[in-house]
Amino acid sequence: MAEGKMCEMLGMTLQKKVGDEFVNVETDKSEGLGGKEFVGLYFSAHWCPPCRGFTPQLCQFYKQFKERFGANKFEVVFVSSDRDESSFKEYASEMPWLYLPFTDRDRKAQLSKKFKVQGIPTFVILNAKSGQLITNKGRENVGTDPEGDDFPWPSRSCKEIFNGDGVSPKDRHKFVKGDYLEKLEGKVFGIYVSAKSEYCSEFKPQLIKKYRELQDAGKPFEIVSVSLCQSEEKYKEDTGDMPWLVLPFQDPRGENFMRELELRGYPSLVLINSDGKLITKSGKDEIINSPIEDFPYGMKPVNLLSERYIDILNEKKCVVYFTESKEDLVKVKETMSGPAKKFFKDGNDKDIYFFVGNTSDELCENLYNFALRSEKRRCLMTIDIVEQVIQKAAADMEMTEDNINEFIKNCRENKIEAKPFGQ
């Protein structure tokens, strides 16, 4: 039953609207989450236009799903980001499900942090018994699977998607398995999303050139194309000259790759390693701008700060060295490699990541200003965006391996004060 984990996560009391009144309900009872199989947490706010656009869609899904599968299969809890309680109540009145009490702001903040909510609307699906996250892509799934045929939308590996897992019954007639997995065995591969468009037409010759260079160099690399063309004629024009693997026209696996890899437009290229793990969602830039010698484009102990690493910056604690000098950047990157290798695990999650950045670059400049709000200068610091804090090295610290090791040790032992951004 839902009682233990849901009460621990959401508190002993939730709310719902009865008539014109907001009433409290016990989380572990049937009018709450008692006996429910799955729970969706809906992070949203009335002031957010995309939220107001998605809420009616979710209401329709909720109603139809309850009619089809019964009352105990699924429940939703609204977690409000509204600015005040009156706005919360006005917005919640449009919703037929339960609400986290607006006054419980600390719990709302904890939930946002736990499920890494970076923007709204966000709709996460949980196993009510275990409290485990099933997917944080509920919003996308409501749009692509409005009947709920594949609910609760478990996360799937590329191998599972190629095998047809998640293809809905109504799309089964479009699915032909093929021998993609056999041809990708032991290879790094890219999922390339394209269409018959000006942008794709400009990028495709560059990608073909790089693909052939990698093939000629004997690199174990392949690409699988997902074409979003709506007509078969356009599809043939888009894919006809591609020297790599291509999914058939309107293959339902394309939609599943788009959803699972969070691809929003075209041209897009995601790189996956031979074990099926994500290398980067910014493959378009990575593969074109990196030399052949950098293949297979995995993370290094110390990396140059770029858009590729936005998710890591948003979610993990990072050691970042900022400088305005290209020569200094190259020198310090090499010096940092020794200390960074102690924490480096290729292909695995790490508790700390190492970057160097040139503050003449827009991303680095924005991050530096966000963290310090001071005049630009060379600076070594740890940055924790989740906690909104930094730990800063002394301005006159010489960038040697010993000093960097000592700085990291002191940070991890909290001997250097963690200060809020901007101080």
Protein backbone atom coordinates (compact mmCIF):
# COMPACT_ATOMS: atom_id res chain seq x y z
CA MET A 1 0.00 0.00 0.00
CA ALA A 2 0.97 3.63 -0.43
CA GLU A 3 0.89 4.62 3.21
CA GLY A 4 4.49 4.52 4.39
CA LYS A 5 6.48 5.97 1.51
CA MET A 6 3.87 8.48 0.42
CA CYS A 7 3.32 9.77 3.95
CA GLU A 8 7.06 10.07 4.41
CA MET A 9 7.40 11.97 1.14
CA LEU A 10 4.21 14.09 1.10
CA GLY A 11 3.26 14.34 4.76
CA MET A 12 0.33 12.93 6.68
CA THR A 13 -2.21 15.35 5.20
CA LEU A 14 -3.12 16.38 1.66
CA GLN A 15 -5.96 18.54 0.41
CA LYS A 16 -8.82 18.28 -2.05
CA LYS A 17 -11.73 20.51 -2.94
CA VAL A 18 -15.21 19.53 -1.87
CA GLY A 19 -17.81 21.98 -3.15
CA ASP A 20 -16.40 25.41 -2.48
CA GLU A 21 -14.18 24.29 0.38
CA PHE A 22 -10.60 23.02 0.54
CA VAL A 23 -10.58 20.12 2.99
CA ASN A 24 -7.79 18.06 4.50
CA VAL A 25 -7.58 14.33 3.78
CA GLU A 26 -5.31 11.77 5.37
CA THR A 27 -2.63 10.68 2.94
CA ASP A 28 -2.85 7.01 3.91
CA LYS A 29 -6.65 6.73 3.62
CA SER A 30 -8.70 5.84 0.56
CA GLU A 31 -9.69 9.47 -0.03
CA GLY A 32 -5.96 10.21 -0.14
CA LEU A 33 -3.41 7.82 -1.61
CA GLY A 34 -4.34 4.67 0.30
CA GLY A 35 -4.58 1.71 -2.06
CA LYS A 36 -3.25 3.59 -5.07
CA GLU A 37 -0.78 1.88 -7.39
CA PHE A 38 0.89 4.92 -8.98
CA VAL A 39 1.15 8.59 -8.01
CA GLY A 40 1.88 11.53 -10.29
CA LEU A 41 3.37 14.70 -8.81
CA TYR A 42 2.36 17.70 -10.88
CA PHE A 43 4.72 20.66 -10.44
CA SER A 44 2.91 23.66 -11.86
CA ALA A 45 1.74 27.25 -11.29
CA HIS A 46 -1.05 29.51 -12.49
CA TRP A 47 1.36 32.26 -13.60
CA CYS A 48 3.12 29.87 -16.02
CA PRO A 49 1.60 29.90 -19.56
CA PRO A 50 2.90 26.40 -20.51
CA CYS A 51 1.35 25.09 -17.29
CA ARG A 52 -2.03 26.62 -18.11
CA GLY A 53 -1.75 25.01 -21.53
CA PHE A 54 -0.91 21.57 -20.18
CA THR A 55 -3.33 21.41 -17.22
CA PRO A 56 -6.50 20.91 -19.34
CA GLN A 57 -4.67 18.19 -21.28
CA LEU A 58 -3.72 16.45 -18.03
CA CYS A 59 -7.29 16.81 -16.69
CA GLN A 60 -8.61 15.08 -19.82
CA PHE A 61 -6.03 12.31 -19.50
CA TYR A 62 -6.84 11.88 -15.79
CA LYS A 63 -10.58 11.57 -16.42
CA GLN A 64 -10.24 9.09 -19.26
CA PHE A 65 -7.61 7.04 -17.43
CA LYS A 66 -9.79 6.73 -14.32
CA GLU A 67 -12.76 5.64 -16.43
CA ARG A 68 -10.67 3.05 -18.22
CA PHE A 69 -8.55 1.61 -15.39
CA GLY A 70 -10.47 2.44 -12.21
CA ALA A 71 -9.99 4.76 -9.26
CA ASN A 72 -7.07 2.98 -7.55
CA LYS A 73 -4.68 2.63 -10.46
CA PHE A 74 -3.46 6.21 -10.37
CA GLU A 75 -3.71 9.50 -8.49
CA VAL A 76 -2.24 12.96 -8.99
CA VAL A 77 -0.95 15.43 -6.39
CA PHE A 78 -0.54 19.09 -7.38
CA VAL A 79 2.69 20.65 -6.05
CA SER A 80 2.25 24.39 -6.43
CA SER A 81 4.80 27.01 -7.43
CA ASP A 82 2.21 29.78 -7.18
CA ARG A 83 3.25 33.02 -5.52
CA ASP A 84 0.49 33.14 -2.92
CA GLU A 85 -2.26 30.98 -1.47
CA SER A 86 -5.11 32.75 -3.28
CA SER A 87 -3.46 32.05 -6.65
CA PHE A 88 -2.92 28.45 -5.57
CA LYS A 89 -6.58 28.00 -4.67
CA GLU A 90 -7.80 29.62 -7.88
CA TYR A 91 -5.59 27.33 -9.98
CA ALA A 92 -6.21 24.19 -7.89
CA SER A 93 -9.95 24.69 -8.34
CA GLU A 94 -9.48 23.68 -11.99
CA MET A 95 -7.97 20.33 -10.97
CA PRO A 96 -9.91 17.16 -10.04
CA TRP A 97 -7.11 15.60 -7.97
CA LEU A 98 -5.28 16.13 -4.66
CA TYR A 99 -2.99 18.99 -3.59
CA LEU A 100 0.05 19.36 -1.38
CA PRO A 101 -0.97 22.05 1.16
CA PHE A 102 0.32 25.39 -0.10
CA THR A 103 1.61 26.31 3.35
CA ASP A 104 4.05 23.38 3.32
CA ARG A 105 6.70 25.32 1.38
CA ASP A 106 9.61 23.38 2.89
CA ARG A 107 8.21 20.09 1.61
CA LYS A 108 7.57 21.61 -1.80
CA ALA A 109 11.23 22.69 -1.95
CA GLN A 110 12.37 19.22 -0.87
CA LEU A 111 10.28 17.57 -3.57
CA SER A 112 11.60 19.93 -6.24
CA LYS A 113 15.15 19.12 -5.20
CA LYS A 114 14.53 15.36 -4.90
CA PHE A 115 13.11 15.11 -8.41
CA LYS A 116 15.46 17.71 -9.93
CA VAL A 117 12.68 19.96 -11.14
CA GLN A 118 14.38 22.55 -13.35
CA GLY A 119 11.24 24.07 -14.85
CA ILE A 120 7.48 23.80 -14.91
CA PRO A 121 5.25 22.13 -15.82
CA THR A 122 6.91 18.91 -14.69
CA PHE A 123 4.94 15.70 -14.18
CA VAL A 124 6.73 12.81 -12.44
CA ILE A 125 5.31 9.31 -11.96
CA LEU A 126 6.09 7.29 -8.82
CA ASN A 127 5.46 3.77 -7.64
CA ALA A 128 3.11 4.45 -4.73
CA LYS A 129 4.29 1.46 -2.70
CA SER A 130 8.06 2.00 -2.98
CA GLY A 131 8.13 5.73 -3.70
CA GLN A 132 10.59 5.06 -6.52
CA LEU A 133 10.66 7.33 -9.54
CA ILE A 134 9.39 5.68 -12.72
CA THR A 135 9.68 8.67 -15.04
CA ASN A 136 10.10 12.43 -14.90
CA LYS A 137 8.80 12.70 -18.46
CA GLY A 138 5.11 12.42 -17.63
CA ARG A 139 4.29 15.63 -19.47
CA GLU A 140 5.80 14.37 -22.71
CA ASN A 141 4.11 10.98 -22.30
CA VAL A 142 0.67 12.46 -21.77
CA GLY A 143 1.14 14.18 -25.12
CA THR A 144 2.44 11.16 -27.03
CA ASP A 145 0.35 8.47 -25.29
CA PRO A 146 -2.98 10.17 -24.45
CA GLU A 147 -4.73 6.81 -24.05
CA GLY A 148 -2.23 5.64 -21.45
CA ASP A 149 -1.51 2.40 -23.30
CA ASP A 150 2.11 2.36 -22.11
CA PHE A 151 1.45 3.85 -18.64
CA PRO A 152 3.37 4.25 -16.27
CA TRP A 153 5.88 4.99 -19.02
CA PRO A 154 8.99 3.29 -17.59
CA SER A 155 12.36 4.54 -18.77
CA ARG A 156 13.74 2.34 -21.54
CA SER A 157 17.21 1.71 -22.84
CA CYS A 158 18.08 2.16 -26.51
CA LYS A 159 18.22 -1.64 -26.82
CA GLU A 160 14.67 -1.95 -25.49
CA ILE A 161 13.44 0.77 -27.84
CA PHE A 162 15.05 -0.92 -30.85
CA ASN A 163 13.36 -4.17 -29.78
CA GLY A 164 9.98 -2.42 -29.87
CA ASP A 165 9.31 -2.12 -26.13
CA GLY A 166 6.90 0.76 -25.64
CA VAL A 167 5.37 0.60 -29.10
CA SER A 168 1.64 0.97 -28.50
CA PRO A 169 -0.84 -1.62 -29.83
CA LYS A 170 -2.27 0.89 -32.31
CA ASP A 171 1.21 1.42 -33.80
CA ARG A 172 2.29 -2.21 -33.93
CA HIS A 173 1.42 -2.45 -37.63
CA LYS A 174 4.10 0.17 -38.37
CA PHE A 175 6.83 -1.66 -36.46
CA VAL A 176 9.45 -3.80 -38.22
CA LYS A 177 12.22 -4.84 -35.83
CA GLY A 178 15.08 -5.06 -38.32
CA ASP A 179 18.69 -5.89 -37.47
CA TYR A 180 19.73 -2.57 -35.92
CA LEU A 181 21.06 -4.11 -32.71
CA GLU A 182 23.24 -6.56 -34.61
CA LYS A 183 24.72 -3.75 -36.70
CA LEU A 184 25.33 -1.58 -33.61
CA GLU A 185 26.98 -4.31 -31.53
CA GLY A 186 30.19 -3.00 -29.93
CA LYS A 187 29.87 0.44 -31.51
CA VAL A 188 29.40 4.00 -30.39
CA PHE A 189 26.34 5.28 -32.22
CA GLY A 190 24.35 8.43 -32.77
CA ILE A 191 20.59 8.91 -32.90
CA TYR A 192 20.20 11.61 -35.54
CA VAL A 193 16.87 13.48 -35.74
CA SER A 194 16.24 15.29 -39.00
CA ALA A 195 13.62 16.58 -41.42
CA LYS A 196 13.53 18.11 -44.88
CA SER A 197 14.52 21.59 -43.73
CA GLU A 198 17.05 24.30 -44.47
CA TYR A 199 18.93 23.71 -41.19
CA CYS A 200 19.16 19.96 -41.74
CA SER A 201 20.23 20.44 -45.36
CA GLU A 202 23.10 22.65 -44.17
CA PHE A 203 24.22 20.26 -41.43
CA LYS A 204 23.84 16.91 -43.20
CA PRO A 205 26.85 17.29 -45.58
CA GLN A 206 29.07 18.09 -42.57
CA LEU A 207 27.82 15.00 -40.75
CA ILE A 208 28.27 12.77 -43.81
CA LYS A 209 31.86 14.01 -44.16
CA LYS A 210 32.64 13.34 -40.49
CA TYR A 211 30.92 9.94 -40.61
CA ARG A 212 33.07 8.85 -43.55
CA GLU A 213 36.24 10.14 -41.85
CA LEU A 214 35.42 8.03 -38.78
CA GLN A 215 34.67 5.00 -40.96
CA ASP A 216 37.92 5.44 -42.90
CA ALA A 217 39.84 5.71 -39.62
CA GLY A 218 38.38 2.35 -38.55
CA LYS A 219 36.42 3.79 -35.63
CA PRO A 220 33.54 1.63 -34.34
CA PHE A 221 30.85 4.20 -35.07
CA GLU A 222 27.38 4.18 -36.60
CA ILE A 223 24.38 6.49 -36.92
CA VAL A 224 20.66 5.71 -36.91
CA SER A 225 18.42 8.39 -38.40
CA VAL A 226 14.96 9.35 -37.22
CA SER A 227 13.27 11.44 -39.89
CA LEU A 228 10.32 13.57 -38.76
CA CYS A 229 9.02 14.16 -42.29
CA GLN A 230 5.23 13.93 -42.52
CA SER A 231 5.08 12.69 -46.10
CA GLU A 232 6.84 9.68 -47.56
CA GLU A 233 8.07 11.79 -50.47
CA LYS A 234 9.81 14.25 -48.11
CA TYR A 235 11.12 11.33 -46.07
CA LYS A 236 12.82 9.87 -49.14
CA GLU A 237 14.32 13.25 -50.03
CA ASP A 238 15.60 13.65 -46.47
CA THR A 239 17.12 10.18 -46.05
CA GLY A 240 17.98 9.10 -49.58
CA ASP A 241 21.64 10.15 -49.50
CA MET A 242 22.37 9.10 -45.91
CA PRO A 243 25.18 6.50 -45.78
CA TRP A 244 24.11 5.19 -42.37
CA LEU A 245 21.15 3.31 -40.87
CA VAL A 246 17.68 4.85 -41.09
CA LEU A 247 14.44 3.99 -39.33
CA PRO A 248 11.51 3.39 -41.71
CA PHE A 249 9.00 6.14 -42.47
CA GLN A 250 6.88 6.98 -39.39
CA ASP A 251 8.46 4.17 -37.38
CA PRO A 252 6.97 4.48 -33.84
CA ARG A 253 10.39 3.95 -32.28
CA GLY A 254 11.37 7.40 -33.50
CA GLU A 255 8.83 8.97 -31.16
CA ASN A 256 10.09 6.79 -28.31
CA PHE A 257 13.69 7.88 -28.90
CA MET A 258 12.57 11.51 -28.99
CA ARG A 259 10.78 11.15 -25.66
CA GLU A 260 13.38 9.04 -23.87
CA LEU A 261 16.35 11.19 -24.97
CA GLU A 262 14.39 14.44 -24.53
CA LEU A 263 15.02 15.59 -28.09
CA ARG A 264 12.99 18.68 -28.94
CA GLY A 265 13.99 19.73 -32.44
CA TYR A 266 16.09 19.09 -35.50
CA PRO A 267 18.78 18.61 -36.49
CA SER A 268 19.72 16.84 -33.23
CA LEU A 269 22.37 14.23 -32.60
CA VAL A 270 22.71 12.21 -29.40
CA LEU A 271 25.79 10.03 -28.93
CA ILE A 272 25.51 6.69 -27.11
CA ASN A 273 28.41 4.47 -26.07
CA SER A 274 28.69 0.75 -26.84
CA ASP A 275 27.13 -0.10 -23.46
CA GLY A 276 24.03 1.94 -24.28
CA LYS A 277 24.94 4.82 -21.95
CA LEU A 278 24.55 8.44 -22.96
CA ILE A 279 27.76 10.22 -23.98
CA THR A 280 26.24 13.58 -24.85
CA LYS A 281 23.04 15.16 -26.08
CA SER A 282 25.15 17.79 -27.85
CA GLY A 283 26.55 15.35 -30.38
CA LYS A 284 25.94 17.74 -33.25
CA ASP A 285 28.59 20.13 -31.97
CA GLU A 286 30.79 17.47 -30.41
CA ILE A 287 31.26 15.33 -33.51
CA ILE A 288 31.80 18.24 -35.91
CA ASN A 289 34.18 20.24 -33.70
CA SER A 290 36.23 17.43 -32.14
CA PRO A 291 39.24 15.82 -33.84
CA ILE A 292 39.08 12.14 -34.77
CA GLU A 293 41.55 11.46 -31.95
CA ASP A 294 38.89 12.46 -29.38
CA PHE A 295 36.61 9.59 -30.42
CA PRO A 296 34.49 8.27 -28.67
CA TYR A 297 33.97 11.73 -27.20
CA GLY A 298 33.49 10.70 -23.58
CA MET A 299 34.13 12.96 -20.61
CA LYS A 300 37.73 13.61 -19.62
CA PRO A 301 38.98 14.15 -16.05
CA VAL A 302 38.95 17.91 -16.78
CA ASN A 303 36.59 19.33 -19.41
CA LEU A 304 36.17 22.65 -21.13
CA LEU A 305 32.97 24.24 -19.89
CA SER A 306 30.30 24.22 -22.62
CA GLU A 307 26.57 23.76 -23.24
CA ARG A 308 27.19 20.03 -23.36
CA TYR A 309 27.59 19.96 -19.58
CA ILE A 310 24.57 22.05 -18.56
CA ASP A 311 22.79 19.10 -16.92
CA ILE A 312 25.89 18.26 -14.85
CA LEU A 313 26.29 21.89 -13.77
CA ASN A 314 22.65 22.05 -12.74
CA GLU A 315 22.70 18.82 -10.76
CA LYS A 316 26.23 18.15 -9.47
CA LYS A 317 28.91 19.83 -7.42
CA CYS A 318 31.65 21.08 -9.73
CA VAL A 319 35.18 22.44 -9.39
CA VAL A 320 35.55 25.24 -11.94
CA TYR A 321 38.57 27.36 -12.86
CA PHE A 322 37.71 30.65 -14.59
CA THR A 323 40.23 32.71 -16.54
CA GLU A 324 40.31 35.26 -19.35
CA SER A 325 43.57 33.90 -20.78
CA LYS A 326 43.60 31.04 -23.29
CA GLU A 327 47.20 30.21 -22.40
CA ASP A 328 46.34 30.12 -18.68
CA LEU A 329 43.32 27.93 -19.39
CA VAL A 330 45.41 25.32 -21.24
CA LYS A 331 48.09 25.33 -18.56
CA VAL A 332 45.68 25.00 -15.61
CA LYS A 333 43.62 22.34 -17.38
CA GLU A 334 46.75 20.19 -17.56
CA THR A 335 47.64 20.94 -13.94
CA MET A 336 44.12 20.07 -12.74
CA SER A 337 44.20 16.70 -14.50
CA GLY A 338 46.26 15.09 -11.72
CA PRO A 339 43.84 15.96 -8.89
CA ALA A 340 40.80 15.33 -11.10
CA LYS A 341 41.90 11.78 -12.01
CA LYS A 342 41.44 10.78 -8.37
CA PHE A 343 37.70 11.38 -8.78
CA PHE A 344 37.33 10.35 -12.41
CA LYS A 345 35.30 7.28 -13.34
CA ASP A 346 34.72 7.09 -17.07
CA GLY A 347 31.08 6.38 -17.87
CA ASN A 348 29.94 6.42 -14.26
CA ASP A 349 28.31 9.00 -12.08
CA LYS A 350 30.74 11.03 -9.98
CA ASP A 351 30.24 13.15 -6.88
CA ILE A 352 32.40 15.99 -8.21
CA TYR A 353 33.26 17.19 -11.72
CA PHE A 354 36.15 19.37 -12.96
CA PHE A 355 35.93 22.15 -15.54
CA VAL A 356 37.93 25.07 -16.89
CA GLY A 357 36.23 28.00 -18.57
CA ASN A 358 37.19 31.15 -20.43
CA THR A 359 35.12 34.08 -19.19
CA SER A 360 35.12 35.57 -22.68
CA ASP A 361 32.75 32.72 -23.56
CA GLU A 362 29.10 33.65 -22.98
CA LEU A 363 28.19 30.57 -20.94
CA CYS A 364 31.24 30.93 -18.67
CA GLU A 365 30.69 34.66 -18.28
CA ASN A 366 27.05 34.12 -17.30
CA LEU A 367 27.95 31.40 -14.81
CA TYR A 368 30.74 33.50 -13.30
CA ASN A 369 28.45 36.51 -12.93
CA PHE A 370 25.67 34.34 -11.52
CA ALA A 371 27.97 32.84 -8.89
CA LEU A 372 30.14 35.84 -7.97
CA ARG A 373 28.56 39.03 -9.35
CA SER A 374 31.97 40.66 -9.19
CA GLU A 375 34.68 41.93 -11.50
CA LYS A 376 36.06 39.14 -13.66
CA ARG A 377 39.37 37.62 -12.62
CA ARG A 378 41.06 34.23 -12.58
CA CYS A 379 39.39 32.17 -9.88
CA LEU A 380 39.09 28.58 -8.67
CA MET A 381 35.89 27.61 -6.90
CA THR A 382 33.40 24.85 -6.25
CA ILE A 383 29.90 25.56 -7.55
CA ASP A 384 26.76 23.84 -6.27
CA ILE A 385 23.76 25.16 -8.22
CA VAL A 386 21.34 22.90 -6.34
CA GLU A 387 22.33 24.46 -3.01
CA GLN A 388 23.11 27.86 -4.62
CA VAL A 389 26.51 28.06 -2.89
CA ILE A 390 30.19 28.41 -3.81
CA GLN A 391 33.50 27.74 -2.05
CA LYS A 392 36.23 30.02 -3.34
CA ALA A 393 40.00 29.62 -3.31
CA ALA A 394 42.20 32.48 -2.13
CA ALA A 395 42.73 35.10 -4.82
CA ASP A 396 46.52 34.71 -4.65
CA MET A 397 46.57 30.89 -4.69
CA GLU A 398 49.16 29.52 -7.10
CA MET A 399 47.66 26.87 -9.39
CA THR A 400 49.81 23.86 -8.56
CA GLU A 401 48.69 20.24 -8.14
CA ASP A 402 49.46 20.34 -4.41
CA ASN A 403 47.46 23.54 -3.90
CA ILE A 404 44.51 22.25 -5.92
CA ASN A 405 44.51 18.99 -3.94
CA GLU A 406 44.60 20.95 -0.68
CA PHE A 407 41.76 23.20 -1.85
CA ILE A 408 39.56 20.22 -2.75
CA LYS A 409 40.37 18.50 0.56
CA ASN A 410 39.45 21.62 2.53
CA CYS A 411 36.21 22.04 0.58
CA ARG A 412 35.14 18.45 1.19
CA GLU A 413 35.94 18.80 4.90
CA ASN A 414 34.00 22.11 4.99
CA LYS A 415 37.07 24.03 6.09
CA ILE A 416 36.26 26.59 3.42
CA GLU A 417 32.98 28.38 4.01
CA ALA A 418 30.20 27.75 1.52
CA LYS A 419 28.79 31.15 0.65
CA PRO A 420 25.51 31.94 -1.16
CA PHE A 421 25.80 33.01 -4.78
CA GLY A 422 26.70 36.65 -5.19
CA GLN A 423 28.64 37.05 -1.93
